[in-house]
Amino acid sequence: METPNLDYLRQISGGDIDFENSLLSILKLEFPIEYIVLSNNFKNSNFDKVALDIHKIKHKIGMLGMLNSVDLASECEKNIRKGNTEQYKDLVLILERINVYLKNK
C-alpha cells in the first residue's frame, strides 16, 4: 500500500515553503471533514453523495503522491455510481492512512 508523502507538493511549489505549508494546512483542515462526510453518507446509503464525496477527496489523495490510490478511488467512485460498494473498504484503508499522516504533520 502506498504511503502519503509531500513529494508532489514540493514539486509544484518550486521550493516555496510558504506555498507548501499553505497547501498542507488546507489538506489538514479539509480532509478530515470530507472524510467524515463521506463516511456518514456511506452509512446512510446515500451513494450518489458518496460518489461525489470520493470525486472531491481523490484530488487530495493525488496531492499526497498516492497515484495508485487515486486510480482506486476513481474506480470506487465509478462502481458506487453503479451500486457496487465492494471497493469502498479498500478506499477506507487508504483514507485512514492519510488521516493519520495528516494528524502527525
N, C-alpha and C. Protein backbone atom coordinates (compact mmCIF):
# COMPACT_ATOMS: atom_id res chain seq x y z
N MET A 1 0.85 -1.18 0.00
CA MET A 1 0.00 0.00 0.00
C MET A 1 0.89 1.25 0.00
N GLU A 2 0.46 2.23 -0.75
CA GLU A 2 1.22 3.47 -0.85
C GLU A 2 1.22 4.25 0.47
N THR A 3 2.23 5.07 0.60
CA THR A 3 2.36 5.91 1.78
C THR A 3 2.19 7.37 1.36
N PRO A 4 1.38 8.13 2.09
CA PRO A 4 1.25 9.56 1.78
C PRO A 4 2.61 10.25 1.93
N ASN A 5 2.84 11.24 1.08
CA ASN A 5 4.09 11.99 1.14
C ASN A 5 3.86 13.39 0.58
N LEU A 6 4.85 14.21 0.74
CA LEU A 6 4.75 15.60 0.30
C LEU A 6 5.54 15.87 -0.98
N ASP A 7 5.98 14.83 -1.66
CA ASP A 7 6.80 15.00 -2.86
C ASP A 7 6.11 15.85 -3.92
N TYR A 8 4.85 15.57 -4.18
CA TYR A 8 4.12 16.33 -5.20
C TYR A 8 3.98 17.80 -4.80
N LEU A 9 3.65 18.04 -3.53
CA LEU A 9 3.53 19.42 -3.06
C LEU A 9 4.85 20.16 -3.22
N ARG A 10 5.94 19.49 -2.90
CA ARG A 10 7.26 20.11 -3.06
C ARG A 10 7.55 20.41 -4.53
N GLN A 11 7.15 19.48 -5.39
CA GLN A 11 7.39 19.64 -6.82
C GLN A 11 6.63 20.85 -7.37
N ILE A 12 5.36 20.96 -7.04
CA ILE A 12 4.58 22.07 -7.62
C ILE A 12 4.87 23.41 -6.94
N SER A 13 5.46 23.36 -5.76
CA SER A 13 5.76 24.61 -5.04
C SER A 13 6.99 25.30 -5.59
N GLY A 14 7.83 24.56 -6.29
CA GLY A 14 9.06 25.15 -6.80
C GLY A 14 9.97 25.65 -5.69
N GLY A 15 9.87 25.02 -4.52
CA GLY A 15 10.71 25.39 -3.40
C GLY A 15 10.13 26.47 -2.50
N ASP A 16 8.93 26.91 -2.80
CA ASP A 16 8.27 27.94 -1.99
C ASP A 16 7.66 27.28 -0.75
N ILE A 17 8.36 27.37 0.36
CA ILE A 17 7.95 26.71 1.61
C ILE A 17 6.61 27.25 2.10
N ASP A 18 6.37 28.54 1.95
CA ASP A 18 5.09 29.12 2.38
C ASP A 18 3.93 28.51 1.60
N PHE A 19 4.13 28.31 0.30
CA PHE A 19 3.10 27.70 -0.54
C PHE A 19 2.85 26.26 -0.11
N GLU A 20 3.93 25.51 0.13
CA GLU A 20 3.81 24.12 0.61
C GLU A 20 3.03 24.07 1.91
N ASN A 21 3.40 24.93 2.84
CA ASN A 21 2.73 24.96 4.14
C ASN A 21 1.26 25.35 4.01
N SER A 22 0.98 26.26 3.09
CA SER A 22 -0.40 26.68 2.86
C SER A 22 -1.24 25.51 2.34
N LEU A 23 -0.71 24.79 1.36
CA LEU A 23 -1.44 23.63 0.83
C LEU A 23 -1.60 22.55 1.89
N LEU A 24 -0.56 22.32 2.66
CA LEU A 24 -0.64 21.32 3.72
C LEU A 24 -1.69 21.72 4.76
N SER A 25 -1.75 22.99 5.09
CA SER A 25 -2.76 23.47 6.04
C SER A 25 -4.17 23.24 5.51
N ILE A 26 -4.36 23.49 4.23
CA ILE A 26 -5.67 23.25 3.62
C ILE A 26 -6.02 21.76 3.69
N LEU A 27 -5.07 20.91 3.36
CA LEU A 27 -5.30 19.46 3.43
C LEU A 27 -5.66 19.04 4.85
N LYS A 28 -4.91 19.54 5.81
CA LYS A 28 -5.14 19.17 7.21
C LYS A 28 -6.51 19.65 7.70
N LEU A 29 -6.98 20.76 7.18
CA LEU A 29 -8.27 21.29 7.58
C LEU A 29 -9.42 20.57 6.86
N GLU A 30 -9.31 20.44 5.55
CA GLU A 30 -10.43 19.93 4.75
C GLU A 30 -10.56 18.41 4.75
N PHE A 31 -9.43 17.70 4.72
CA PHE A 31 -9.50 16.24 4.56
C PHE A 31 -10.32 15.55 5.65
N PRO A 32 -10.07 15.82 6.93
CA PRO A 32 -10.84 15.12 7.96
C PRO A 32 -12.35 15.38 7.86
N ILE A 33 -12.70 16.60 7.51
CA ILE A 33 -14.12 16.94 7.37
C ILE A 33 -14.74 16.18 6.21
N GLU A 34 -14.05 16.18 5.07
CA GLU A 34 -14.55 15.48 3.89
C GLU A 34 -14.64 13.97 4.14
N TYR A 35 -13.70 13.45 4.90
CA TYR A 35 -13.72 12.02 5.22
C TYR A 35 -14.92 11.67 6.10
N ILE A 36 -15.22 12.51 7.07
CA ILE A 36 -16.38 12.29 7.94
C ILE A 36 -17.68 12.35 7.13
N VAL A 37 -17.78 13.34 6.26
CA VAL A 37 -18.98 13.48 5.41
C VAL A 37 -19.14 12.24 4.54
N LEU A 38 -18.05 11.80 3.93
CA LEU A 38 -18.07 10.60 3.09
C LEU A 38 -18.54 9.39 3.90
N SER A 39 -17.97 9.20 5.06
CA SER A 39 -18.33 8.06 5.92
C SER A 39 -19.81 8.11 6.31
N ASN A 40 -20.29 9.28 6.68
CA ASN A 40 -21.70 9.42 7.06
C ASN A 40 -22.63 9.14 5.89
N ASN A 41 -22.27 9.63 4.72
CA ASN A 41 -23.11 9.37 3.55
C ASN A 41 -23.12 7.88 3.21
N PHE A 42 -21.99 7.21 3.41
CA PHE A 42 -21.95 5.77 3.16
C PHE A 42 -22.84 5.03 4.17
N LYS A 43 -22.71 5.39 5.44
CA LYS A 43 -23.53 4.76 6.48
C LYS A 43 -25.02 4.94 6.22
N ASN A 44 -25.38 6.07 5.63
CA ASN A 44 -26.78 6.36 5.32
C ASN A 44 -27.20 5.86 3.93
N SER A 45 -26.31 5.10 3.29
CA SER A 45 -26.57 4.53 1.95
C SER A 45 -26.94 5.60 0.92
N ASN A 46 -26.37 6.77 1.06
CA ASN A 46 -26.60 7.85 0.11
C ASN A 46 -25.47 7.81 -0.93
N PHE A 47 -25.56 6.83 -1.82
CA PHE A 47 -24.45 6.51 -2.69
C PHE A 47 -24.18 7.55 -3.77
N ASP A 48 -25.19 8.32 -4.17
CA ASP A 48 -24.92 9.42 -5.10
C ASP A 48 -23.99 10.44 -4.46
N LYS A 49 -24.25 10.75 -3.19
CA LYS A 49 -23.39 11.69 -2.47
C LYS A 49 -22.02 11.07 -2.19
N VAL A 50 -21.98 9.78 -1.91
CA VAL A 50 -20.70 9.09 -1.69
C VAL A 50 -19.82 9.24 -2.92
N ALA A 51 -20.39 9.01 -4.09
CA ALA A 51 -19.62 9.13 -5.33
C ALA A 51 -19.08 10.56 -5.49
N LEU A 52 -19.89 11.55 -5.18
CA LEU A 52 -19.43 12.95 -5.26
C LEU A 52 -18.34 13.23 -4.23
N ASP A 53 -18.51 12.67 -3.03
CA ASP A 53 -17.50 12.85 -1.98
C ASP A 53 -16.17 12.24 -2.39
N ILE A 54 -16.22 11.06 -2.99
CA ILE A 54 -14.99 10.41 -3.45
C ILE A 54 -14.34 11.26 -4.53
N HIS A 55 -15.16 11.78 -5.43
CA HIS A 55 -14.62 12.62 -6.50
C HIS A 55 -13.85 13.81 -5.93
N LYS A 56 -14.40 14.43 -4.89
CA LYS A 56 -13.73 15.57 -4.26
C LYS A 56 -12.44 15.16 -3.56
N ILE A 57 -12.50 14.07 -2.83
CA ILE A 57 -11.37 13.69 -1.97
C ILE A 57 -10.22 13.06 -2.75
N LYS A 58 -10.51 12.51 -3.92
CA LYS A 58 -9.44 11.83 -4.66
C LYS A 58 -8.36 12.80 -5.12
N HIS A 59 -8.71 14.07 -5.30
CA HIS A 59 -7.70 15.06 -5.68
C HIS A 59 -6.71 15.29 -4.53
N LYS A 60 -7.20 15.22 -3.33
CA LYS A 60 -6.31 15.35 -2.17
C LYS A 60 -5.40 14.13 -2.05
N ILE A 61 -5.92 12.97 -2.41
CA ILE A 61 -5.10 11.75 -2.42
C ILE A 61 -3.94 11.95 -3.38
N GLY A 62 -4.22 12.50 -4.54
CA GLY A 62 -3.18 12.76 -5.54
C GLY A 62 -2.17 13.78 -5.06
N MET A 63 -2.63 14.79 -4.35
CA MET A 63 -1.71 15.81 -3.83
C MET A 63 -0.73 15.22 -2.83
N LEU A 64 -1.10 14.08 -2.25
CA LEU A 64 -0.22 13.41 -1.30
C LEU A 64 0.59 12.30 -1.97
N GLY A 65 0.71 12.37 -3.29
CA GLY A 65 1.60 11.50 -4.03
C GLY A 65 1.16 10.05 -4.15
N MET A 66 -0.11 9.77 -3.97
CA MET A 66 -0.61 8.40 -3.96
C MET A 66 -1.38 8.11 -5.25
N LEU A 67 -0.65 8.01 -6.35
CA LEU A 67 -1.29 7.91 -7.66
C LEU A 67 -2.05 6.61 -7.86
N ASN A 68 -1.54 5.50 -7.36
CA ASN A 68 -2.28 4.24 -7.47
C ASN A 68 -3.57 4.32 -6.67
N SER A 69 -3.52 5.01 -5.56
CA SER A 69 -4.71 5.17 -4.73
C SER A 69 -5.74 6.08 -5.40
N VAL A 70 -5.27 7.05 -6.18
CA VAL A 70 -6.19 7.88 -6.96
C VAL A 70 -6.94 7.00 -7.96
N ASP A 71 -6.20 6.09 -8.59
CA ASP A 71 -6.84 5.17 -9.54
C ASP A 71 -7.90 4.32 -8.85
N LEU A 72 -7.57 3.81 -7.66
CA LEU A 72 -8.54 3.01 -6.91
C LEU A 72 -9.76 3.85 -6.54
N ALA A 73 -9.54 5.08 -6.13
CA ALA A 73 -10.65 5.97 -5.77
C ALA A 73 -11.53 6.23 -6.99
N SER A 74 -10.93 6.41 -8.15
CA SER A 74 -11.70 6.63 -9.37
C SER A 74 -12.56 5.42 -9.71
N GLU A 75 -11.97 4.24 -9.58
CA GLU A 75 -12.72 3.00 -9.82
C GLU A 75 -13.85 2.86 -8.81
N CYS A 76 -13.55 3.14 -7.56
CA CYS A 76 -14.55 3.04 -6.49
C CYS A 76 -15.70 4.01 -6.76
N GLU A 77 -15.37 5.23 -7.15
CA GLU A 77 -16.38 6.23 -7.48
C GLU A 77 -17.30 5.73 -8.60
N LYS A 78 -16.69 5.20 -9.64
CA LYS A 78 -17.45 4.70 -10.79
C LYS A 78 -18.34 3.53 -10.38
N ASN A 79 -17.79 2.61 -9.59
CA ASN A 79 -18.55 1.44 -9.17
C ASN A 79 -19.68 1.79 -8.22
N ILE A 80 -19.45 2.74 -7.33
CA ILE A 80 -20.51 3.15 -6.40
C ILE A 80 -21.67 3.78 -7.16
N ARG A 81 -21.36 4.49 -8.22
CA ARG A 81 -22.43 5.06 -9.06
C ARG A 81 -23.30 3.95 -9.65
N LYS A 82 -22.70 2.76 -9.83
CA LYS A 82 -23.43 1.60 -10.36
C LYS A 82 -24.03 0.74 -9.26
N GLY A 83 -23.83 1.14 -8.00
CA GLY A 83 -24.38 0.38 -6.88
C GLY A 83 -23.46 -0.67 -6.31
N ASN A 84 -22.22 -0.72 -6.77
CA ASN A 84 -21.25 -1.70 -6.29
C ASN A 84 -20.33 -1.04 -5.26
N THR A 85 -20.40 -1.49 -4.02
CA THR A 85 -19.63 -0.87 -2.94
C THR A 85 -18.45 -1.72 -2.48
N GLU A 86 -18.10 -2.75 -3.23
CA GLU A 86 -17.05 -3.68 -2.79
C GLU A 86 -15.71 -3.00 -2.53
N GLN A 87 -15.33 -2.03 -3.33
CA GLN A 87 -14.02 -1.39 -3.18
C GLN A 87 -13.99 -0.35 -2.07
N TYR A 88 -15.12 -0.02 -1.52
CA TYR A 88 -15.18 1.03 -0.51
C TYR A 88 -14.28 0.71 0.68
N LYS A 89 -14.25 -0.53 1.11
CA LYS A 89 -13.42 -0.90 2.27
C LYS A 89 -11.94 -0.67 1.98
N ASP A 90 -11.52 -0.90 0.74
CA ASP A 90 -10.13 -0.64 0.36
C ASP A 90 -9.84 0.86 0.38
N LEU A 91 -10.80 1.63 -0.08
CA LEU A 91 -10.64 3.09 -0.06
C LEU A 91 -10.55 3.60 1.37
N VAL A 92 -11.35 3.05 2.26
CA VAL A 92 -11.33 3.47 3.66
C VAL A 92 -9.94 3.25 4.27
N LEU A 93 -9.29 2.15 3.93
CA LEU A 93 -7.94 1.90 4.44
C LEU A 93 -6.98 3.00 4.01
N ILE A 94 -7.10 3.41 2.77
CA ILE A 94 -6.27 4.49 2.24
C ILE A 94 -6.58 5.81 2.97
N LEU A 95 -7.85 6.10 3.12
CA LEU A 95 -8.26 7.35 3.77
C LEU A 95 -7.83 7.39 5.23
N GLU A 96 -7.90 6.26 5.89
CA GLU A 96 -7.43 6.19 7.29
C GLU A 96 -5.93 6.46 7.37
N ARG A 97 -5.19 5.89 6.43
CA ARG A 97 -3.74 6.12 6.40
C ARG A 97 -3.44 7.60 6.20
N ILE A 98 -4.16 8.23 5.30
CA ILE A 98 -3.97 9.67 5.05
C ILE A 98 -4.36 10.48 6.29
N ASN A 99 -5.45 10.12 6.92
CA ASN A 99 -5.91 10.84 8.10
C ASN A 99 -4.85 10.83 9.20
N VAL A 100 -4.27 9.67 9.45
CA VAL A 100 -3.21 9.55 10.46
C VAL A 100 -1.99 10.37 10.04
N TYR A 101 -1.61 10.27 8.78
CA TYR A 101 -0.46 11.01 8.26
C TYR A 101 -0.64 12.52 8.48
N LEU A 102 -1.81 13.03 8.12
CA LEU A 102 -2.04 14.47 8.25
C LEU A 102 -2.09 14.91 9.70
N LYS A 103 -2.61 14.08 10.57
CA LYS A 103 -2.64 14.42 12.00
C LYS A 103 -1.24 14.54 12.57
N ASN A 104 -0.31 13.79 12.01
CA ASN A 104 1.07 13.78 12.51
C ASN A 104 1.96 14.80 11.81
N LYS A 105 1.43 15.57 10.89
CA LYS A 105 2.22 16.58 10.18
C LYS A 105 2.13 17.92 10.88
